[in-house]
PDB file of N, CA and C in Angstrom:
ATOM      1  N   MET A   1       0.836  -1.188   0.000  1.00  0.00           N
ATOM      2  CA  MET A   1       0.000   0.000   0.000  1.00  0.00           C
ATOM      3  C   MET A   1       0.871   1.237   0.000  1.00  0.00           C
ATOM      4  N   GLY A   2       0.304   2.341  -0.500  1.00  0.00           N
ATOM      5  CA  GLY A   2       1.058   3.593  -0.590  1.00  0.00           C
ATOM      6  C   GLY A   2       1.142   4.313   0.742  1.00  0.00           C
ATOM      7  N   LYS A   3       2.012   5.267   0.764  1.00  0.00           N
ATOM      8  CA  LYS A   3       2.167   6.079   1.976  1.00  0.00           C
ATOM      9  C   LYS A   3       0.942   6.954   2.180  1.00  0.00           C
ATOM     10  N   GLU A   4       0.583   7.094   3.441  1.00  0.00           N
ATOM     11  CA  GLU A   4      -0.516   7.996   3.754  1.00  0.00           C
ATOM     12  C   GLU A   4       0.033   9.410   3.790  1.00  0.00           C
ATOM     13  N   THR A   5      -0.674  10.316   3.200  1.00  0.00           N
ATOM     14  CA  THR A   5      -0.235  11.706   3.247  1.00  0.00           C
ATOM     15  C   THR A   5      -0.977  12.410   4.360  1.00  0.00           C
ATOM     16  N   LYS A   6      -0.220  13.150   5.123  1.00  0.00           N
ATOM     17  CA  LYS A   6      -0.810  13.915   6.208  1.00  0.00           C
ATOM     18  C   LYS A   6      -1.249  15.260   5.661  1.00  0.00           C
ATOM     19  N   LYS A   7      -2.469  15.606   5.919  1.00  0.00           N
ATOM     20  CA  LYS A   7      -2.977  16.904   5.501  1.00  0.00           C
ATOM     21  C   LYS A   7      -2.922  17.843   6.693  1.00  0.00           C
ATOM     22  N   LYS A   8      -2.515  19.058   6.404  1.00  0.00           N
ATOM     23  CA  LYS A   8      -2.484  20.063   7.447  1.00  0.00           C
ATOM     24  C   LYS A   8      -3.918  20.439   7.801  1.00  0.00           C
ATOM     25  N   VAL A   9      -4.244  20.352   9.058  1.00  0.00           N
ATOM     26  CA  VAL A   9      -5.590  20.659   9.503  1.00  0.00           C
ATOM     27  C   VAL A   9      -5.651  22.133   9.863  1.00  0.00           C
ATOM     28  N   LYS A  10      -6.538  22.843   9.186  1.00  0.00           N
ATOM     29  CA  LYS A  10      -6.706  24.264   9.469  1.00  0.00           C
ATOM     30  C   LYS A  10      -7.636  24.446  10.651  1.00  0.00           C
ATOM     31  N   LYS A  11      -7.274  25.370  11.518  1.00  0.00           N
ATOM     32  CA  LYS A  11      -8.181  25.738  12.589  1.00  0.00           C
ATOM     33  C   LYS A  11      -9.187  26.715  12.009  1.00  0.00           C
ATOM     34  N   GLU A  12     -10.441  26.405  12.199  1.00  0.00           N
ATOM     35  CA  GLU A  12     -11.463  27.272  11.650  1.00  0.00           C
ATOM     36  C   GLU A  12     -11.598  28.525  12.500  1.00  0.00           C
ATOM     37  N   LYS A  13     -11.750  29.611  11.833  1.00  0.00           N
ATOM     38  CA  LYS A  13     -11.968  30.882  12.507  1.00  0.00           C
ATOM     39  C   LYS A  13     -13.470  31.027  12.686  1.00  0.00           C
ATOM     40  N   ASP A  14     -13.911  30.979  13.928  1.00  0.00           N
ATOM     41  CA  ASP A  14     -15.347  30.973  14.170  1.00  0.00           C
ATOM     42  C   ASP A  14     -15.812  32.107  15.077  1.00  0.00           C
ATOM     43  N   ALA A  15     -14.960  33.108  15.263  1.00  0.00           N
ATOM     44  CA  ALA A  15     -15.339  34.226  16.116  1.00  0.00           C
ATOM     45  C   ALA A  15     -14.905  35.534  15.460  1.00  0.00           C
ATOM     46  N   GLN A  16     -15.592  36.580  15.835  1.00  0.00           N
ATOM     47  CA  GLN A  16     -15.270  37.897  15.304  1.00  0.00           C
ATOM     48  C   GLN A  16     -14.970  38.845  16.446  1.00  0.00           C
ATOM     49  N   LEU A  17     -14.144  39.832  16.149  1.00  0.00           N
ATOM     50  CA  LEU A  17     -13.837  40.899  17.089  1.00  0.00           C
ATOM     51  C   LEU A  17     -14.228  42.194  16.395  1.00  0.00           C
ATOM     52  N   VAL A  18     -15.139  42.911  16.989  1.00  0.00           N
ATOM     53  CA  VAL A  18     -15.600  44.167  16.400  1.00  0.00           C
ATOM     54  C   VAL A  18     -14.956  45.309  17.163  1.00  0.00           C
ATOM     55  N   LEU A  19     -14.396  46.251  16.422  1.00  0.00           N
ATOM     56  CA  LEU A  19     -13.818  47.415  17.080  1.00  0.00           C
ATOM     57  C   LEU A  19     -14.180  48.662  16.309  1.00  0.00           C
ATOM     58  N   ARG A  20     -14.155  49.757  16.994  1.00  0.00           N
ATOM     59  CA  ARG A  20     -14.507  51.025  16.370  1.00  0.00           C
ATOM     60  C   ARG A  20     -13.279  51.918  16.364  1.00  0.00           C
ATOM     61  N   LEU A  21     -13.036  52.530  15.230  1.00  0.00           N
ATOM     62  CA  LEU A  21     -11.985  53.519  15.116  1.00  0.00           C
ATOM     63  C   LEU A  21     -12.367  54.486  14.019  1.00  0.00           C
ATOM     64  N   GLY A  22     -11.653  55.578  13.961  1.00  0.00           N
ATOM     65  CA  GLY A  22     -11.983  56.610  12.983  1.00  0.00           C
ATOM     66  C   GLY A  22     -11.779  56.122  11.556  1.00  0.00           C
ATOM     67  N   ARG A  23     -12.589  56.674  10.659  1.00  0.00           N
ATOM     68  CA  ARG A  23     -12.527  56.287   9.251  1.00  0.00           C
ATOM     69  C   ARG A  23     -11.146  56.548   8.661  1.00  0.00           C
ATOM     70  N   GLU A  24     -10.549  57.688   8.981  1.00  0.00           N
ATOM     71  CA  GLU A  24      -9.228  58.018   8.438  1.00  0.00           C
ATOM     72  C   GLU A  24      -8.172  57.018   8.893  1.00  0.00           C
ATOM     73  N   GLU A  25      -8.214  56.656  10.173  1.00  0.00           N
ATOM     74  CA  GLU A  25      -7.272  55.663  10.704  1.00  0.00           C
ATOM     75  C   GLU A  25      -7.467  54.317  10.017  1.00  0.00           C
ATOM     76  N   ARG A  26      -8.714  53.893   9.921  1.00  0.00           N
ATOM     77  CA  ARG A  26      -9.012  52.625   9.280  1.00  0.00           C
ATOM     78  C   ARG A  26      -8.542  52.601   7.832  1.00  0.00           C
ATOM     79  N   ASP A  27      -8.861  53.665   7.099  1.00  0.00           N
ATOM     80  CA  ASP A  27      -8.478  53.724   5.692  1.00  0.00           C
ATOM     81  C   ASP A  27      -6.963  53.714   5.520  1.00  0.00           C
ATOM     82  N   ALA A  28      -6.256  54.441   6.376  1.00  0.00           N
ATOM     83  CA  ALA A  28      -4.786  54.476   6.302  1.00  0.00           C
ATOM     84  C   ALA A  28      -4.206  53.092   6.610  1.00  0.00           C
ATOM     85  N   PHE A  29      -4.786  52.404   7.593  1.00  0.00           N
ATOM     86  CA  PHE A  29      -4.316  51.071   7.972  1.00  0.00           C
ATOM     87  C   PHE A  29      -4.535  50.076   6.840  1.00  0.00           C
ATOM     88  N   VAL A  30      -5.730  50.088   6.265  1.00  0.00           N
ATOM     89  CA  VAL A  30      -6.053  49.166   5.166  1.00  0.00           C
ATOM     90  C   VAL A  30      -5.149  49.448   3.969  1.00  0.00           C
ATOM     91  N   GLU A  31      -4.932  50.709   3.658  1.00  0.00           N
ATOM     92  CA  GLU A  31      -4.083  51.071   2.526  1.00  0.00           C
ATOM     93  C   GLU A  31      -2.645  50.601   2.748  1.00  0.00           C
ATOM     94  N   LEU A  32      -2.128  50.816   3.955  1.00  0.00           N
ATOM     95  CA  LEU A  32      -0.762  50.369   4.253  1.00  0.00           C
ATOM     96  C   LEU A  32      -0.655  48.851   4.179  1.00  0.00           C
ATOM     97  N   CYS A  33      -1.645  48.149   4.683  1.00  0.00           N
ATOM     98  CA  CYS A  33      -1.634  46.684   4.592  1.00  0.00           C
ATOM     99  C   CYS A  33      -1.571  46.244   3.140  1.00  0.00           C
ATOM    100  N   GLN A  34      -2.351  46.881   2.275  1.00  0.00           N
ATOM    101  CA  GLN A  34      -2.348  46.533   0.860  1.00  0.00           C
ATOM    102  C   GLN A  34      -0.975  46.801   0.238  1.00  0.00           C
ATOM    103  N   GLU A  35      -0.363  47.925   0.604  1.00  0.00           N
ATOM    104  CA  GLU A  35       0.969  48.247   0.091  1.00  0.00           C
ATOM    105  C   GLU A  35       1.992  47.199   0.520  1.00  0.00           C
ATOM    106  N   LEU A  36       1.780  46.608   1.697  1.00  0.00           N
ATOM    107  CA  LEU A  36       2.685  45.597   2.234  1.00  0.00           C
ATOM    108  C   LEU A  36       2.273  44.195   1.807  1.00  0.00           C
ATOM    109  N   ASP A  37       1.327  44.097   0.869  1.00  0.00           N
ATOM    110  CA  ASP A  37       0.822  42.821   0.359  1.00  0.00           C
ATOM    111  C   ASP A  37       0.275  41.955   1.490  1.00  0.00           C
ATOM    112  N   SER A  38      -0.525  42.575   2.333  1.00  0.00           N
ATOM    113  CA  SER A  38      -1.134  41.882   3.455  1.00  0.00           C
ATOM    114  C   SER A  38      -2.591  42.324   3.520  1.00  0.00           C
ATOM    115  N   SER A  39      -3.261  41.905   4.566  1.00  0.00           N
ATOM    116  CA  SER A  39      -4.633  42.359   4.780  1.00  0.00           C
ATOM    117  C   SER A  39      -4.751  42.873   6.208  1.00  0.00           C
ATOM    118  N   ALA A  40      -5.744  43.713   6.423  1.00  0.00           N
ATOM    119  CA  ALA A  40      -5.964  44.246   7.757  1.00  0.00           C
ATOM    120  C   ALA A  40      -6.244  43.111   8.747  1.00  0.00           C
ATOM    121  N   SER A  41      -7.045  42.145   8.330  1.00  0.00           N
ATOM    122  CA  SER A  41      -7.370  41.017   9.214  1.00  0.00           C
ATOM    123  C   SER A  41      -6.127  40.229   9.596  1.00  0.00           C
ATOM    124  N   ARG A  42      -5.289  39.968   8.618  1.00  0.00           N
ATOM    125  CA  ARG A  42      -4.062  39.202   8.872  1.00  0.00           C
ATOM    126  C   ARG A  42      -3.173  39.939   9.874  1.00  0.00           C
ATOM    127  N   GLU A  43      -3.041  41.241   9.704  1.00  0.00           N
ATOM    128  CA  GLU A  43      -2.174  42.012  10.597  1.00  0.00           C
ATOM    129  C   GLU A  43      -2.733  42.094  12.011  1.00  0.00           C
ATOM    130  N   VAL A  44      -4.045  42.210  12.128  1.00  0.00           N
ATOM    131  CA  VAL A  44      -4.658  42.249  13.461  1.00  0.00           C
ATOM    132  C   VAL A  44      -4.504  40.891  14.145  1.00  0.00           C
ATOM    133  N   ARG A  45      -4.717  39.791  13.397  1.00  0.00           N
ATOM    134  CA  ARG A  45      -4.515  38.459  13.983  1.00  0.00           C
ATOM    135  C   ARG A  45      -3.068  38.278  14.434  1.00  0.00           C
ATOM    136  N   LEU A  46      -2.119  38.724  13.621  1.00  0.00           N
ATOM    137  CA  LEU A  46      -0.705  38.617  13.974  1.00  0.00           C
ATOM    138  C   LEU A  46      -0.402  39.409  15.246  1.00  0.00           C
ATOM    139  N   PHE A  47      -0.956  40.614  15.338  1.00  0.00           N
ATOM    140  CA  PHE A  47      -0.768  41.419  16.542  1.00  0.00           C
ATOM    141  C   PHE A  47      -1.307  40.696  17.773  1.00  0.00           C
ATOM    142  N   ILE A  48      -2.510  40.147  17.656  1.00  0.00           N
ATOM    143  CA  ILE A  48      -3.124  39.467  18.798  1.00  0.00           C
ATOM    144  C   ILE A  48      -2.289  38.266  19.229  1.00  0.00           C
ATOM    145  N   ARG A  49      -1.830  37.474  18.274  1.00  0.00           N
ATOM    146  CA  ARG A  49      -1.009  36.295  18.617  1.00  0.00           C
ATOM    147  C   ARG A  49       0.281  36.695  19.314  1.00  0.00           C
ATOM    148  N   ARG A  50       0.949  37.723  18.789  1.00  0.00           N
ATOM    149  CA  ARG A  50       2.197  38.195  19.426  1.00  0.00           C
ATOM    150  C   ARG A  50       1.925  38.747  20.815  1.00  0.00           C
ATOM    151  N   PHE A  51       0.857  39.493  20.965  1.00  0.00           N
ATOM    152  CA  PHE A  51       0.471  40.087  22.241  1.00  0.00           C
ATOM    153  C   PHE A  51       0.216  38.998  23.280  1.00  0.00           C
ATOM    154  N   LEU A  52      -0.554  37.974  22.880  1.00  0.00           N
ATOM    155  CA  LEU A  52      -0.847  36.872  23.793  1.00  0.00           C
ATOM    156  C   LEU A  52       0.416  36.120  24.180  1.00  0.00           C
ATOM    157  N   LYS A  53       1.279  35.858  23.204  1.00  0.00           N
ATOM    158  CA  LYS A  53       2.516  35.136  23.475  1.00  0.00           C
ATOM    159  C   LYS A  53       3.404  35.931  24.430  1.00  0.00           C
ATOM    160  N   LYS A  54       3.551  37.219  24.176  1.00  0.00           N
ATOM    161  CA  LYS A  54       4.388  38.079  25.019  1.00  0.00           C
ATOM    162  C   LYS A  54       3.894  38.074  26.458  1.00  0.00           C
ATOM    163  N   HIS A  55       2.600  38.229  26.632  1.00  0.00           N
ATOM    164  CA  HIS A  55       2.061  38.327  27.985  1.00  0.00           C
ATOM    165  C   HIS A  55       1.969  36.967  28.665  1.00  0.00           C
ATOM    166  N   ALA A  56       1.875  35.909  27.907  1.00  0.00           N
ATOM    167  CA  ALA A  56       1.915  34.572  28.501  1.00  0.00           C
ATOM    168  C   ALA A  56       3.308  34.307  29.068  1.00  0.00           C
ATOM    169  N   GLU A  57       4.340  34.735  28.333  1.00  0.00           N
ATOM    170  CA  GLU A  57       5.708  34.545  28.786  1.00  0.00           C
ATOM    171  C   GLU A  57       5.998  35.391  30.023  1.00  0.00           C
ATOM    172  N   GLU A  58       5.475  36.626  30.058  1.00  0.00           N
ATOM    173  CA  GLU A  58       5.684  37.513  31.206  1.00  0.00           C
ATOM    174  C   GLU A  58       5.007  36.945  32.451  1.00  0.00           C
ATOM    175  N   ASN A  59       3.848  36.337  32.271  1.00  0.00           N
ATOM    176  CA  ASN A  59       3.084  35.836  33.410  1.00  0.00           C
ATOM    177  C   ASN A  59       3.528  34.466  33.872  1.00  0.00           C
ATOM    178  N   SER A  60       4.401  33.818  33.112  1.00  0.00           N
ATOM    179  CA  SER A  60       4.849  32.479  33.489  1.00  0.00           C
ATOM    180  C   SER A  60       6.080  32.514  34.399  1.00  0.00           C
ATOM    181  N   ASP A  61       6.582  33.709  34.652  1.00  0.00           N
ATOM    182  CA  ASP A  61       7.788  33.827  35.512  1.00  0.00           C
ATOM    183  C   ASP A  61       7.478  33.632  36.961  1.00  0.00           C
TER     184      ASP A  61
END
């Protein structure tokens, strides 16, 4: 029999975070993300993950 291939299992995103900020700030952020070949959602998720990791490490001391 052939080798079984392992498929990467994606974690489904099943929650939303709603925030309010000024239109100018939002537009500038979205535009910069596009210039950096990214998306606003991706950058916010990255920020949250780094923030959680940083504070988990600080609290584990």
